[in-house]
Amino acid sequence: EELHKAGYVLKQREGQASGSWVLLDFGDIIVHVFDRENRLFYDLERIWKDGKIINSEEL
């Protein structure tokens, strides 16, 4: 909803059927939504530890 308000359009959505990991592709922004088990397993925070965190207010 916040990305839509900021003018971003959802281009692709994957994984919704399983519900354990949903990927939302907004072009320049990719959103990953995990259940707890998969979030711990994939540990994207470790992989992207040097990435910049952007709050929706900054969009």
PDB file of N, CA and C in Angstrom:
ATOM      1  N   GLU A   1       0.826  -1.188   0.000  1.00  0.00           N
ATOM      2  CA  GLU A   1       0.000   0.000   0.000  1.00  0.00           C
ATOM      3  C   GLU A   1       0.874   1.257   0.000  1.00  0.00           C
ATOM      4  N   GLU A   2       1.915   1.269   0.844  1.00  0.00           N
ATOM      5  CA  GLU A   2       2.800   2.443   0.908  1.00  0.00           C
ATOM      6  C   GLU A   2       3.548   2.636  -0.406  1.00  0.00           C
ATOM      7  N   LEU A   3       4.004   1.541  -1.009  1.00  0.00           N
ATOM      8  CA  LEU A   3       4.702   1.658  -2.287  1.00  0.00           C
ATOM      9  C   LEU A   3       3.755   2.150  -3.381  1.00  0.00           C
ATOM     10  N   HIS A   4       2.536   1.681  -3.357  1.00  0.00           N
ATOM     11  CA  HIS A   4       1.532   2.135  -4.327  1.00  0.00           C
ATOM     12  C   HIS A   4       1.291   3.643  -4.172  1.00  0.00           C
ATOM     13  N   LYS A   5       1.178   4.103  -2.930  1.00  0.00           N
ATOM     14  CA  LYS A   5       0.984   5.540  -2.677  1.00  0.00           C
ATOM     15  C   LYS A   5       2.157   6.364  -3.198  1.00  0.00           C
ATOM     16  N   ALA A   6       3.368   5.758  -3.152  1.00  0.00           N
ATOM     17  CA  ALA A   6       4.568   6.457  -3.607  1.00  0.00           C
ATOM     18  C   ALA A   6       4.750   6.363  -5.121  1.00  0.00           C
ATOM     19  N   GLY A   7       3.803   5.718  -5.806  1.00  0.00           N
ATOM     20  CA  GLY A   7       3.854   5.665  -7.261  1.00  0.00           C
ATOM     21  C   GLY A   7       4.472   4.412  -7.847  1.00  0.00           C
ATOM     22  N   TYR A   8       4.804   3.442  -7.009  1.00  0.00           N
ATOM     23  CA  TYR A   8       5.376   2.191  -7.507  1.00  0.00           C
ATOM     24  C   TYR A   8       4.260   1.238  -7.911  1.00  0.00           C
ATOM     25  N   VAL A   9       4.493   0.504  -9.009  1.00  0.00           N
ATOM     26  CA  VAL A   9       3.503  -0.433  -9.537  1.00  0.00           C
ATOM     27  C   VAL A   9       4.021  -1.857  -9.347  1.00  0.00           C
ATOM     28  N   LEU A  10       3.178  -2.733  -8.824  1.00  0.00           N
ATOM     29  CA  LEU A  10       3.547  -4.138  -8.653  1.00  0.00           C
ATOM     30  C   LEU A  10       3.652  -4.785 -10.025  1.00  0.00           C
ATOM     31  N   LYS A  11       4.859  -5.273 -10.365  1.00  0.00           N
ATOM     32  CA  LYS A  11       5.092  -5.873 -11.672  1.00  0.00           C
ATOM     33  C   LYS A  11       4.914  -7.385 -11.637  1.00  0.00           C
ATOM     34  N   GLN A  12       5.277  -8.015 -10.539  1.00  0.00           N
ATOM     35  CA  GLN A  12       5.221  -9.478 -10.431  1.00  0.00           C
ATOM     36  C   GLN A  12       5.037  -9.874  -8.976  1.00  0.00           C
ATOM     37  N   ARG A  13       4.289 -10.948  -8.763  1.00  0.00           N
ATOM     38  CA  ARG A  13       4.102 -11.509  -7.424  1.00  0.00           C
ATOM     39  C   ARG A  13       4.322 -13.009  -7.548  1.00  0.00           C
ATOM     40  N   GLU A  14       5.155 -13.568  -6.656  1.00  0.00           N
ATOM     41  CA  GLU A  14       5.439 -15.003  -6.696  1.00  0.00           C
ATOM     42  C   GLU A  14       5.337 -15.596  -5.304  1.00  0.00           C
ATOM     43  N   GLY A  15       4.971 -16.870  -5.245  1.00  0.00           N
ATOM     44  CA  GLY A  15       4.985 -17.608  -3.993  1.00  0.00           C
ATOM     45  C   GLY A  15       3.743 -17.502  -3.145  1.00  0.00           C
ATOM     46  N   GLN A  16       2.736 -16.818  -3.620  1.00  0.00           N
ATOM     47  CA  GLN A  16       1.552 -16.593  -2.794  1.00  0.00           C
ATOM     48  C   GLN A  16       0.815 -17.891  -2.485  1.00  0.00           C
ATOM     49  N   ALA A  17       0.865 -18.873  -3.376  1.00  0.00           N
ATOM     50  CA  ALA A  17       0.144 -20.135  -3.158  1.00  0.00           C
ATOM     51  C   ALA A  17       0.657 -20.870  -1.928  1.00  0.00           C
ATOM     52  N   SER A  18       1.983 -20.902  -1.753  1.00  0.00           N
ATOM     53  CA  SER A  18       2.544 -21.611  -0.597  1.00  0.00           C
ATOM     54  C   SER A  18       2.447 -20.773   0.669  1.00  0.00           C
ATOM     55  N   GLY A  19       2.599 -19.466   0.533  1.00  0.00           N
ATOM     56  CA  GLY A  19       2.477 -18.572   1.676  1.00  0.00           C
ATOM     57  C   GLY A  19       3.679 -18.533   2.592  1.00  0.00           C
ATOM     58  N   SER A  20       4.663 -19.410   2.373  1.00  0.00           N
ATOM     59  CA  SER A  20       5.828 -19.408   3.255  1.00  0.00           C
ATOM     60  C   SER A  20       6.851 -18.348   2.850  1.00  0.00           C
ATOM     61  N   TRP A  21       6.860 -17.977   1.575  1.00  0.00           N
ATOM     62  CA  TRP A  21       7.746 -16.931   1.080  1.00  0.00           C
ATOM     63  C   TRP A  21       7.047 -16.270  -0.093  1.00  0.00           C
ATOM     64  N   VAL A  22       6.734 -15.002   0.024  1.00  0.00           N
ATOM     65  CA  VAL A  22       6.099 -14.252  -1.055  1.00  0.00           C
ATOM     66  C   VAL A  22       7.068 -13.170  -1.503  1.00  0.00           C
ATOM     67  N   LEU A  23       7.257 -13.060  -2.808  1.00  0.00           N
ATOM     68  CA  LEU A  23       8.127 -12.049  -3.381  1.00  0.00           C
ATOM     69  C   LEU A  23       7.266 -11.068  -4.164  1.00  0.00           C
ATOM     70  N   LEU A  24       7.447  -9.785  -3.885  1.00  0.00           N
ATOM     71  CA  LEU A  24       6.728  -8.722  -4.585  1.00  0.00           C
ATOM     72  C   LEU A  24       7.754  -7.883  -5.338  1.00  0.00           C
ATOM     73  N   ASP A  25       7.624  -7.815  -6.653  1.00  0.00           N
ATOM     74  CA  ASP A  25       8.577  -7.111  -7.504  1.00  0.00           C
ATOM     75  C   ASP A  25       7.964  -5.791  -7.960  1.00  0.00           C
ATOM     76  N   PHE A  26       8.539  -4.693  -7.470  1.00  0.00           N
ATOM     77  CA  PHE A  26       8.098  -3.355  -7.847  1.00  0.00           C
ATOM     78  C   PHE A  26       9.105  -2.685  -8.778  1.00  0.00           C
ATOM     79  N   GLY A  27       9.913  -3.482  -9.467  1.00  0.00           N
ATOM     80  CA  GLY A  27      10.924  -2.919 -10.363  1.00  0.00           C
ATOM     81  C   GLY A  27      12.185  -2.592  -9.597  1.00  0.00           C
ATOM     82  N   ASP A  28      12.309  -1.360  -9.126  1.00  0.00           N
ATOM     83  CA  ASP A  28      13.490  -0.942  -8.364  1.00  0.00           C
ATOM     84  C   ASP A  28      13.489  -1.483  -6.945  1.00  0.00           C
ATOM     85  N   ILE A  29      12.351  -1.925  -6.472  1.00  0.00           N
ATOM     86  CA  ILE A  29      12.213  -2.406  -5.093  1.00  0.00           C
ATOM     87  C   ILE A  29      11.649  -3.819  -5.113  1.00  0.00           C
ATOM     88  N   ILE A  30      12.307  -4.723  -4.388  1.00  0.00           N
ATOM     89  CA  ILE A  30      11.835  -6.099  -4.225  1.00  0.00           C
ATOM     90  C   ILE A  30      11.495  -6.290  -2.755  1.00  0.00           C
ATOM     91  N   VAL A  31      10.310  -6.814  -2.482  1.00  0.00           N
ATOM     92  CA  VAL A  31       9.866  -7.056  -1.108  1.00  0.00           C
ATOM     93  C   VAL A  31       9.751  -8.559  -0.902  1.00  0.00           C
ATOM     94  N   HIS A  32      10.409  -9.060   0.146  1.00  0.00           N
ATOM     95  CA  HIS A  32      10.322 -10.466   0.521  1.00  0.00           C
ATOM     96  C   HIS A  32       9.497 -10.558   1.800  1.00  0.00           C
ATOM     97  N   VAL A  33       8.489 -11.431   1.798  1.00  0.00           N
ATOM     98  CA  VAL A  33       7.670 -11.666   2.986  1.00  0.00           C
ATOM     99  C   VAL A  33       7.785 -13.149   3.311  1.00  0.00           C
ATOM    100  N   PHE A  34       8.338 -13.457   4.486  1.00  0.00           N
ATOM    101  CA  PHE A  34       8.589 -14.838   4.896  1.00  0.00           C
ATOM    102  C   PHE A  34       7.744 -15.212   6.098  1.00  0.00           C
ATOM    103  N   ASP A  35       7.492 -16.511   6.240  1.00  0.00           N
ATOM    104  CA  ASP A  35       7.047 -16.991   7.541  1.00  0.00           C
ATOM    105  C   ASP A  35       8.301 -17.087   8.412  1.00  0.00           C
ATOM    106  N   ARG A  36       8.131 -17.267   9.697  1.00  0.00           N
ATOM    107  CA  ARG A  36       9.259 -17.241  10.634  1.00  0.00           C
ATOM    108  C   ARG A  36      10.331 -18.281  10.284  1.00  0.00           C
ATOM    109  N   GLU A  37       9.911 -19.505   9.977  1.00  0.00           N
ATOM    110  CA  GLU A  37      10.863 -20.586   9.698  1.00  0.00           C
ATOM    111  C   GLU A  37      11.755 -20.264   8.498  1.00  0.00           C
ATOM    112  N   ASN A  38      11.171 -19.806   7.418  1.00  0.00           N
ATOM    113  CA  ASN A  38      11.957 -19.484   6.225  1.00  0.00           C
ATOM    114  C   ASN A  38      12.795 -18.230   6.408  1.00  0.00           C
ATOM    115  N   ARG A  39      12.318 -17.287   7.169  1.00  0.00           N
ATOM    116  CA  ARG A  39      13.120 -16.087   7.436  1.00  0.00           C
ATOM    117  C   ARG A  39      14.404 -16.455   8.169  1.00  0.00           C
ATOM    118  N   LEU A  40      14.297 -17.335   9.153  1.00  0.00           N
ATOM    119  CA  LEU A  40      15.490 -17.782   9.871  1.00  0.00           C
ATOM    120  C   LEU A  40      16.406 -18.600   8.969  1.00  0.00           C
ATOM    121  N   PHE A  41      15.831 -19.444   8.118  1.00  0.00           N
ATOM    122  CA  PHE A  41      16.625 -20.308   7.245  1.00  0.00           C
ATOM    123  C   PHE A  41      17.416 -19.502   6.218  1.00  0.00           C
ATOM    124  N   TYR A  42      16.767 -18.584   5.511  1.00  0.00           N
ATOM    125  CA  TYR A  42      17.430 -17.838   4.440  1.00  0.00           C
ATOM    126  C   TYR A  42      18.269 -16.673   4.954  1.00  0.00           C
ATOM    127  N   ASP A  43      17.936 -16.119   6.102  1.00  0.00           N
ATOM    128  CA  ASP A  43      18.743 -15.097   6.775  1.00  0.00           C
ATOM    129  C   ASP A  43      19.202 -13.978   5.826  1.00  0.00           C
ATOM    130  N   LEU A  44      18.251 -13.366   5.136  1.00  0.00           N
ATOM    131  CA  LEU A  44      18.598 -12.305   4.190  1.00  0.00           C
ATOM    132  C   LEU A  44      19.257 -11.108   4.861  1.00  0.00           C
ATOM    133  N   GLU A  45      18.980 -10.905   6.138  1.00  0.00           N
ATOM    134  CA  GLU A  45      19.629  -9.798   6.843  1.00  0.00           C
ATOM    135  C   GLU A  45      21.144  -9.978   6.855  1.00  0.00           C
ATOM    136  N   ARG A  46      21.611 -11.215   6.958  1.00  0.00           N
ATOM    137  CA  ARG A  46      23.052 -11.478   6.935  1.00  0.00           C
ATOM    138  C   ARG A  46      23.607 -11.222   5.533  1.00  0.00           C
ATOM    139  N   ILE A  47      22.900 -11.708   4.523  1.00  0.00           N
ATOM    140  CA  ILE A  47      23.372 -11.562   3.146  1.00  0.00           C
ATOM    141  C   ILE A  47      23.425 -10.087   2.739  1.00  0.00           C
ATOM    142  N   TRP A  48      22.431  -9.309   3.151  1.00  0.00           N
ATOM    143  CA  TRP A  48      22.329  -7.905   2.757  1.00  0.00           C
ATOM    144  C   TRP A  48      22.712  -6.955   3.895  1.00  0.00           C
ATOM    145  N   LYS A  49      23.582  -7.410   4.798  1.00  0.00           N
ATOM    146  CA  LYS A  49      23.919  -6.610   5.985  1.00  0.00           C
ATOM    147  C   LYS A  49      24.495  -5.239   5.646  1.00  0.00           C
ATOM    148  N   ASP A  50      25.097  -5.093   4.477  1.00  0.00           N
ATOM    149  CA  ASP A  50      25.668  -3.807   4.082  1.00  0.00           C
ATOM    150  C   ASP A  50      24.691  -2.953   3.274  1.00  0.00           C
ATOM    151  N   GLY A  51      23.485  -3.474   3.055  1.00  0.00           N
ATOM    152  CA  GLY A  51      22.477  -2.737   2.291  1.00  0.00           C
ATOM    153  C   GLY A  51      21.894  -1.588   3.099  1.00  0.00           C
ATOM    154  N   LYS A  52      21.347  -0.630   2.410  1.00  0.00           N
ATOM    155  CA  LYS A  52      20.743   0.530   3.059  1.00  0.00           C
ATOM    156  C   LYS A  52      19.279   0.244   3.360  1.00  0.00           C
ATOM    157  N   ILE A  53      18.864   0.476   4.588  1.00  0.00           N
ATOM    158  CA  ILE A  53      17.466   0.328   4.983  1.00  0.00           C
ATOM    159  C   ILE A  53      16.754   1.636   4.684  1.00  0.00           C
ATOM    160  N   ILE A  54      15.640   1.531   3.958  1.00  0.00           N
ATOM    161  CA  ILE A  54      14.871   2.712   3.582  1.00  0.00           C
ATOM    162  C   ILE A  54      13.465   2.568   4.142  1.00  0.00           C
ATOM    163  N   ASN A  55      13.043   3.555   4.909  1.00  0.00           N
ATOM    164  CA  ASN A  55      11.681   3.572   5.436  1.00  0.00           C
ATOM    165  C   ASN A  55      10.732   4.102   4.373  1.00  0.00           C
ATOM    166  N   SER A  56       9.469   3.715   4.470  1.00  0.00           N
ATOM    167  CA  SER A  56       8.494   4.124   3.454  1.00  0.00           C
ATOM    168  C   SER A  56       8.358   5.645   3.371  1.00  0.00           C
ATOM    169  N   GLU A  57       8.647   6.364   4.445  1.00  0.00           N
ATOM    170  CA  GLU A  57       8.558   7.824   4.419  1.00  0.00           C
ATOM    171  C   GLU A  57       9.597   8.440   3.484  1.00  0.00           C
ATOM    172  N   GLU A  58      10.674   7.695   3.193  1.00  0.00           N
ATOM    173  CA  GLU A  58      11.743   8.201   2.335  1.00  0.00           C
ATOM    174  C   GLU A  58      11.452   8.013   0.852  1.00  0.00           C
ATOM    175  N   LEU A  59      10.393   7.296   0.507  1.00  0.00           N
ATOM    176  CA  LEU A  59      10.105   7.004  -0.907  1.00  0.00           C
ATOM    177  C   LEU A  59       9.572   8.222  -1.625  1.00  0.00           C
TER     178      LEU A  59
END
